[in-house]
Amino acid sequence: MSRQYEEYMEKQNRKKESLLDLPDQFEESQIKIEKLQEELCKSSSWKSKLKDYIIGGTIGAILGFVLSKFLG
């Protein structure tokens, strides 16, 4: 066989193998998407937001107090 034919066949085999991997890659992508959606739901829940508001309010109060002592 000629070298060109061998290269062509090798290229075709690589294409077939990559196509056979597609279902697995698709399933992995679906699993990642589901996990990310769950994380997004958790991060936007009222419990998570309450925690953020409390931390932000505490830091704001401390900064306000410190700045009022220095500037006021």
PDB file of N, CA and C in Angstrom:
ATOM      1  N   MET A   1       0.839  -1.192   0.000  1.00  0.00           N
ATOM      2  CA  MET A   1       0.000   0.000   0.000  1.00  0.00           C
ATOM      3  C   MET A   1       0.878   1.247   0.000  1.00  0.00           C
ATOM      4  N   SER A   2       0.315   2.249  -0.541  1.00  0.00           N
ATOM      5  CA  SER A   2       1.089   3.483  -0.589  1.00  0.00           C
ATOM      6  C   SER A   2       1.011   4.208   0.756  1.00  0.00           C
ATOM      7  N   ARG A   3       1.948   5.054   0.956  1.00  0.00           N
ATOM      8  CA  ARG A   3       2.002   5.823   2.215  1.00  0.00           C
ATOM      9  C   ARG A   3       0.803   6.760   2.332  1.00  0.00           C
ATOM     10  N   GLN A   4       0.416   7.365   1.220  1.00  0.00           N
ATOM     11  CA  GLN A   4      -0.733   8.276   1.242  1.00  0.00           C
ATOM     12  C   GLN A   4      -2.004   7.540   1.657  1.00  0.00           C
ATOM     13  N   TYR A   5      -2.168   6.335   1.139  1.00  0.00           N
ATOM     14  CA  TYR A   5      -3.351   5.546   1.492  1.00  0.00           C
ATOM     15  C   TYR A   5      -3.343   5.201   2.978  1.00  0.00           C
ATOM     16  N   GLU A   6      -2.186   4.830   3.498  1.00  0.00           N
ATOM     17  CA  GLU A   6      -2.074   4.510   4.920  1.00  0.00           C
ATOM     18  C   GLU A   6      -2.402   5.731   5.783  1.00  0.00           C
ATOM     19  N   GLU A   7      -1.894   6.889   5.381  1.00  0.00           N
ATOM     20  CA  GLU A   7      -2.194   8.118   6.118  1.00  0.00           C
ATOM     21  C   GLU A   7      -3.679   8.437   6.057  1.00  0.00           C
ATOM     22  N   TYR A   8      -4.256   8.237   4.889  1.00  0.00           N
ATOM     23  CA  TYR A   8      -5.685   8.478   4.729  1.00  0.00           C
ATOM     24  C   TYR A   8      -6.500   7.556   5.639  1.00  0.00           C
ATOM     25  N   MET A   9      -6.143   6.274   5.652  1.00  0.00           N
ATOM     26  CA  MET A   9      -6.866   5.309   6.486  1.00  0.00           C
ATOM     27  C   MET A   9      -6.690   5.617   7.976  1.00  0.00           C
ATOM     28  N   GLU A  10      -5.507   6.026   8.337  1.00  0.00           N
ATOM     29  CA  GLU A  10      -5.250   6.385   9.734  1.00  0.00           C
ATOM     30  C   GLU A  10      -6.103   7.595  10.130  1.00  0.00           C
ATOM     31  N   LYS A  11      -6.189   8.543   9.253  1.00  0.00           N
ATOM     32  CA  LYS A  11      -7.014   9.732   9.503  1.00  0.00           C
ATOM     33  C   LYS A  11      -8.492   9.344   9.635  1.00  0.00           C
ATOM     34  N   GLN A  12      -8.944   8.461   8.780  1.00  0.00           N
ATOM     35  CA  GLN A  12     -10.332   8.000   8.841  1.00  0.00           C
ATOM     36  C   GLN A  12     -10.608   7.264  10.159  1.00  0.00           C
ATOM     37  N   ASN A  13      -9.670   6.439  10.580  1.00  0.00           N
ATOM     38  CA  ASN A  13      -9.833   5.716  11.846  1.00  0.00           C
ATOM     39  C   ASN A  13      -9.899   6.671  13.028  1.00  0.00           C
ATOM     40  N   ARG A  14      -9.066   7.727  13.004  1.00  0.00           N
ATOM     41  CA  ARG A  14      -9.117   8.715  14.086  1.00  0.00           C
ATOM     42  C   ARG A  14     -10.467   9.427  14.121  1.00  0.00           C
ATOM     43  N   LYS A  15     -11.011   9.713  12.948  1.00  0.00           N
ATOM     44  CA  LYS A  15     -12.326  10.353  12.873  1.00  0.00           C
ATOM     45  C   LYS A  15     -13.400   9.441  13.468  1.00  0.00           C
ATOM     46  N   LYS A  16     -13.334   8.163  13.110  1.00  0.00           N
ATOM     47  CA  LYS A  16     -14.312   7.207  13.646  1.00  0.00           C
ATOM     48  C   LYS A  16     -14.215   7.123  15.159  1.00  0.00           C
ATOM     49  N   GLU A  17     -12.989   7.069  15.670  1.00  0.00           N
ATOM     50  CA  GLU A  17     -12.803   6.991  17.122  1.00  0.00           C
ATOM     51  C   GLU A  17     -13.335   8.234  17.818  1.00  0.00           C
ATOM     52  N   SER A  18     -13.098   9.389  17.226  1.00  0.00           N
ATOM     53  CA  SER A  18     -13.589  10.621  17.853  1.00  0.00           C
ATOM     54  C   SER A  18     -15.122  10.675  17.821  1.00  0.00           C
ATOM     55  N   LEU A  19     -15.709  10.130  16.768  1.00  0.00           N
ATOM     56  CA  LEU A  19     -17.171  10.088  16.707  1.00  0.00           C
ATOM     57  C   LEU A  19     -17.736   9.116  17.733  1.00  0.00           C
ATOM     58  N   LEU A  20     -17.014   8.043  17.998  1.00  0.00           N
ATOM     59  CA  LEU A  20     -17.471   7.083  19.000  1.00  0.00           C
ATOM     60  C   LEU A  20     -17.397   7.669  20.411  1.00  0.00           C
ATOM     61  N   ASP A  21     -16.527   8.647  20.616  1.00  0.00           N
ATOM     62  CA  ASP A  21     -16.393   9.296  21.921  1.00  0.00           C
ATOM     63  C   ASP A  21     -17.489  10.328  22.176  1.00  0.00           C
ATOM     64  N   LEU A  22     -18.176  10.749  21.142  1.00  0.00           N
ATOM     65  CA  LEU A  22     -19.175  11.805  21.302  1.00  0.00           C
ATOM     66  C   LEU A  22     -20.276  11.495  22.315  1.00  0.00           C
ATOM     67  N   PRO A  23     -20.867  10.322  22.328  1.00  0.00           N
ATOM     68  CA  PRO A  23     -21.907  10.062  23.324  1.00  0.00           C
ATOM     69  C   PRO A  23     -21.404  10.200  24.770  1.00  0.00           C
ATOM     70  N   ASP A  24     -20.198   9.719  25.023  1.00  0.00           N
ATOM     71  CA  ASP A  24     -19.625   9.844  26.365  1.00  0.00           C
ATOM     72  C   ASP A  24     -19.378  11.310  26.709  1.00  0.00           C
ATOM     73  N   GLN A  25     -18.857  12.057  25.752  1.00  0.00           N
ATOM     74  CA  GLN A  25     -18.611  13.476  25.986  1.00  0.00           C
ATOM     75  C   GLN A  25     -19.926  14.220  26.227  1.00  0.00           C
ATOM     76  N   PHE A  26     -20.946  13.845  25.481  1.00  0.00           N
ATOM     77  CA  PHE A  26     -22.251  14.478  25.645  1.00  0.00           C
ATOM     78  C   PHE A  26     -22.812  14.182  27.033  1.00  0.00           C
ATOM     79  N   GLU A  27     -22.695  12.952  27.482  1.00  0.00           N
ATOM     80  CA  GLU A  27     -23.194  12.579  28.803  1.00  0.00           C
ATOM     81  C   GLU A  27     -22.438  13.326  29.900  1.00  0.00           C
ATOM     82  N   GLU A  28     -21.124  13.428  29.763  1.00  0.00           N
ATOM     83  CA  GLU A  28     -20.334  14.167  30.736  1.00  0.00           C
ATOM     84  C   GLU A  28     -20.754  15.631  30.782  1.00  0.00           C
ATOM     85  N   SER A  29     -21.012  16.202  29.620  1.00  0.00           N
ATOM     86  CA  SER A  29     -21.455  17.598  29.556  1.00  0.00           C
ATOM     87  C   SER A  29     -22.804  17.768  30.246  1.00  0.00           C
ATOM     88  N   GLN A  30     -23.705  16.834  30.025  1.00  0.00           N
ATOM     89  CA  GLN A  30     -25.023  16.897  30.657  1.00  0.00           C
ATOM     90  C   GLN A  30     -24.896  16.837  32.183  1.00  0.00           C
ATOM     91  N   ILE A  31     -24.027  15.963  32.678  1.00  0.00           N
ATOM     92  CA  ILE A  31     -23.828  15.833  34.120  1.00  0.00           C
ATOM     93  C   ILE A  31     -23.268  17.133  34.688  1.00  0.00           C
ATOM     94  N   LYS A  32     -22.292  17.723  33.995  1.00  0.00           N
ATOM     95  CA  LYS A  32     -21.715  18.993  34.450  1.00  0.00           C
ATOM     96  C   LYS A  32     -22.765  20.092  34.467  1.00  0.00           C
ATOM     97  N   ILE A  33     -23.597  20.140  33.455  1.00  0.00           N
ATOM     98  CA  ILE A  33     -24.645  21.157  33.380  1.00  0.00           C
ATOM     99  C   ILE A  33     -25.624  20.991  34.541  1.00  0.00           C
ATOM    100  N   GLU A  34     -26.006  19.771  34.833  1.00  0.00           N
ATOM    101  CA  GLU A  34     -26.926  19.523  35.946  1.00  0.00           C
ATOM    102  C   GLU A  34     -26.314  19.955  37.269  1.00  0.00           C
ATOM    103  N   LYS A  35     -25.033  19.650  37.477  1.00  0.00           N
ATOM    104  CA  LYS A  35     -24.362  20.057  38.714  1.00  0.00           C
ATOM    105  C   LYS A  35     -24.299  21.580  38.824  1.00  0.00           C
ATOM    106  N   LEU A  36     -23.983  22.235  37.717  1.00  0.00           N
ATOM    107  CA  LEU A  36     -23.916  23.687  37.733  1.00  0.00           C
ATOM    108  C   LEU A  36     -25.282  24.314  38.002  1.00  0.00           C
ATOM    109  N   GLN A  37     -26.335  23.718  37.463  1.00  0.00           N
ATOM    110  CA  GLN A  37     -27.678  24.228  37.720  1.00  0.00           C
ATOM    111  C   GLN A  37     -28.043  24.067  39.188  1.00  0.00           C
ATOM    112  N   GLU A  38     -27.662  22.950  39.793  1.00  0.00           N
ATOM    113  CA  GLU A  38     -27.917  22.744  41.219  1.00  0.00           C
ATOM    114  C   GLU A  38     -27.165  23.775  42.056  1.00  0.00           C
ATOM    115  N   GLU A  39     -25.901  24.027  41.712  1.00  0.00           N
ATOM    116  CA  GLU A  39     -25.115  25.012  42.437  1.00  0.00           C
ATOM    117  C   GLU A  39     -25.717  26.399  42.284  1.00  0.00           C
ATOM    118  N   LEU A  40     -26.206  26.706  41.109  1.00  0.00           N
ATOM    119  CA  LEU A  40     -26.825  28.004  40.874  1.00  0.00           C
ATOM    120  C   LEU A  40     -28.084  28.165  41.717  1.00  0.00           C
ATOM    121  N   CYS A  41     -28.874  27.117  41.805  1.00  0.00           N
ATOM    122  CA  CYS A  41     -30.082  27.172  42.630  1.00  0.00           C
ATOM    123  C   CYS A  41     -29.730  27.357  44.100  1.00  0.00           C
ATOM    124  N   LYS A  42     -28.704  26.639  44.558  1.00  0.00           N
ATOM    125  CA  LYS A  42     -28.288  26.763  45.955  1.00  0.00           C
ATOM    126  C   LYS A  42     -27.768  28.165  46.254  1.00  0.00           C
ATOM    127  N   SER A  43     -26.989  28.718  45.325  1.00  0.00           N
ATOM    128  CA  SER A  43     -26.379  30.024  45.575  1.00  0.00           C
ATOM    129  C   SER A  43     -27.399  31.155  45.498  1.00  0.00           C
ATOM    130  N   SER A  44     -28.515  30.921  44.848  1.00  0.00           N
ATOM    131  CA  SER A  44     -29.515  31.980  44.760  1.00  0.00           C
ATOM    132  C   SER A  44     -30.686  31.756  45.717  1.00  0.00           C
ATOM    133  N   SER A  45     -30.518  30.837  46.653  1.00  0.00           N
ATOM    134  CA  SER A  45     -31.588  30.595  47.622  1.00  0.00           C
ATOM    135  C   SER A  45     -31.608  31.712  48.659  1.00  0.00           C
ATOM    136  N   TRP A  46     -32.722  31.855  49.368  1.00  0.00           N
ATOM    137  CA  TRP A  46     -32.833  32.942  50.344  1.00  0.00           C
ATOM    138  C   TRP A  46     -31.875  32.737  51.512  1.00  0.00           C
ATOM    139  N   LYS A  47     -31.552  31.480  51.826  1.00  0.00           N
ATOM    140  CA  LYS A  47     -30.610  31.220  52.915  1.00  0.00           C
ATOM    141  C   LYS A  47     -29.224  31.748  52.559  1.00  0.00           C
ATOM    142  N   SER A  48     -28.818  31.514  51.337  1.00  0.00           N
ATOM    143  CA  SER A  48     -27.517  31.996  50.895  1.00  0.00           C
ATOM    144  C   SER A  48     -27.502  33.518  50.833  1.00  0.00           C
ATOM    145  N   LYS A  49     -28.580  34.093  50.341  1.00  0.00           N
ATOM    146  CA  LYS A  49     -28.670  35.554  50.256  1.00  0.00           C
ATOM    147  C   LYS A  49     -28.688  36.179  51.642  1.00  0.00           C
ATOM    148  N   LEU A  50     -29.377  35.547  52.607  1.00  0.00           N
ATOM    149  CA  LEU A  50     -29.425  36.063  53.975  1.00  0.00           C
ATOM    150  C   LEU A  50     -28.022  36.112  54.568  1.00  0.00           C
ATOM    151  N   LYS A  51     -27.263  35.058  54.340  1.00  0.00           N
ATOM    152  CA  LYS A  51     -25.876  35.019  54.817  1.00  0.00           C
ATOM    153  C   LYS A  51     -25.087  36.179  54.209  1.00  0.00           C
ATOM    154  N   ASP A  52     -25.231  36.404  52.905  1.00  0.00           N
ATOM    155  CA  ASP A  52     -24.527  37.504  52.243  1.00  0.00           C
ATOM    156  C   ASP A  52     -24.954  38.861  52.812  1.00  0.00           C
ATOM    157  N   TYR A  53     -26.251  39.037  53.051  1.00  0.00           N
ATOM    158  CA  TYR A  53     -26.740  40.302  53.596  1.00  0.00           C
ATOM    159  C   TYR A  53     -26.203  40.551  55.005  1.00  0.00           C
ATOM    160  N   ILE A  54     -26.158  39.505  55.822  1.00  0.00           N
ATOM    161  CA  ILE A  54     -25.655  39.655  57.191  1.00  0.00           C
ATOM    162  C   ILE A  54     -24.171  40.013  57.175  1.00  0.00           C
ATOM    163  N   ILE A  55     -23.396  39.310  56.379  1.00  0.00           N
ATOM    164  CA  ILE A  55     -21.958  39.605  56.289  1.00  0.00           C
ATOM    165  C   ILE A  55     -21.741  41.014  55.735  1.00  0.00           C
ATOM    166  N   GLY A  56     -22.437  41.337  54.677  1.00  0.00           N
ATOM    167  CA  GLY A  56     -22.299  42.677  54.085  1.00  0.00           C
ATOM    168  C   GLY A  56     -22.746  43.774  55.037  1.00  0.00           C
ATOM    169  N   GLY A  57     -23.831  43.546  55.751  1.00  0.00           N
ATOM    170  CA  GLY A  57     -24.316  44.538  56.710  1.00  0.00           C
ATOM    171  C   GLY A  57     -23.352  44.737  57.859  1.00  0.00           C
ATOM    172  N   THR A  58     -22.771  43.646  58.330  1.00  0.00           N
ATOM    173  CA  THR A  58     -21.796  43.736  59.424  1.00  0.00           C
ATOM    174  C   THR A  58     -20.557  44.510  58.988  1.00  0.00           C
ATOM    175  N   ILE A  59     -20.054  44.182  57.829  1.00  0.00           N
ATOM    176  CA  ILE A  59     -18.872  44.894  57.321  1.00  0.00           C
ATOM    177  C   ILE A  59     -19.208  46.362  57.095  1.00  0.00           C
ATOM    178  N   GLY A  60     -20.371  46.644  56.544  1.00  0.00           N
ATOM    179  CA  GLY A  60     -20.784  48.031  56.326  1.00  0.00           C
ATOM    180  C   GLY A  60     -20.920  48.797  57.630  1.00  0.00           C
ATOM    181  N   ALA A  61     -21.468  48.165  58.645  1.00  0.00           N
ATOM    182  CA  ALA A  61     -21.617  48.826  59.940  1.00  0.00           C
ATOM    183  C   ALA A  61     -20.258  49.120  60.563  1.00  0.00           C
ATOM    184  N   ILE A  62     -19.351  48.161  60.481  1.00  0.00           N
ATOM    185  CA  ILE A  62     -18.007  48.364  61.038  1.00  0.00           C
ATOM    186  C   ILE A  62     -17.291  49.485  60.293  1.00  0.00           C
ATOM    187  N   LEU A  63     -17.342  49.463  58.973  1.00  0.00           N
ATOM    188  CA  LEU A  63     -16.691  50.520  58.196  1.00  0.00           C
ATOM    189  C   LEU A  63     -17.329  51.879  58.478  1.00  0.00           C
ATOM    190  N   GLY A  64     -18.639  51.904  58.572  1.00  0.00           N
ATOM    191  CA  GLY A  64     -19.333  53.161  58.890  1.00  0.00           C
ATOM    192  C   GLY A  64     -18.919  53.696  60.243  1.00  0.00           C
ATOM    193  N   PHE A  65     -18.830  52.826  61.224  1.00  0.00           N
ATOM    194  CA  PHE A  65     -18.419  53.236  62.568  1.00  0.00           C
ATOM    195  C   PHE A  65     -16.992  53.769  62.560  1.00  0.00           C
ATOM    196  N   VAL A  66     -16.096  53.028  61.915  1.00  0.00           N
ATOM    197  CA  VAL A  66     -14.682  53.445  61.874  1.00  0.00           C
ATOM    198  C   VAL A  66     -14.532  54.780  61.127  1.00  0.00           C
ATOM    199  N   LEU A  67     -15.195  54.927  60.004  1.00  0.00           N
ATOM    200  CA  LEU A  67     -15.098  56.171  59.256  1.00  0.00           C
ATOM    201  C   LEU A  67     -15.721  57.343  60.001  1.00  0.00           C
ATOM    202  N   SER A  68     -16.796  57.107  60.721  1.00  0.00           N
ATOM    203  CA  SER A  68     -17.406  58.202  61.473  1.00  0.00           C
ATOM    204  C   SER A  68     -16.509  58.639  62.625  1.00  0.00           C
ATOM    205  N   LYS A  69     -15.729  57.733  63.203  1.00  0.00           N
ATOM    206  CA  LYS A  69     -14.790  58.098  64.264  1.00  0.00           C
ATOM    207  C   LYS A  69     -13.607  58.903  63.710  1.00  0.00           C
ATOM    208  N   PHE A  70     -13.130  58.521  62.516  1.00  0.00           N
ATOM    209  CA  PHE A  70     -12.000  59.230  61.938  1.00  0.00           C
ATOM    210  C   PHE A  70     -12.395  60.545  61.292  1.00  0.00           C
ATOM    211  N   LEU A  71     -13.530  60.582  60.641  1.00  0.00           N
ATOM    212  CA  LEU A  71     -13.939  61.773  59.890  1.00  0.00           C
ATOM    213  C   LEU A  71     -14.930  62.642  60.654  1.00  0.00           C
ATOM    214  N   GLY A  72     -15.570  62.124  61.642  1.00  0.00           N
ATOM    215  CA  GLY A  72     -16.653  62.846  62.312  1.00  0.00           C
ATOM    216  C   GLY A  72     -16.232  63.418  63.575  1.00  0.00           C
TER     217      GLY A  72
END
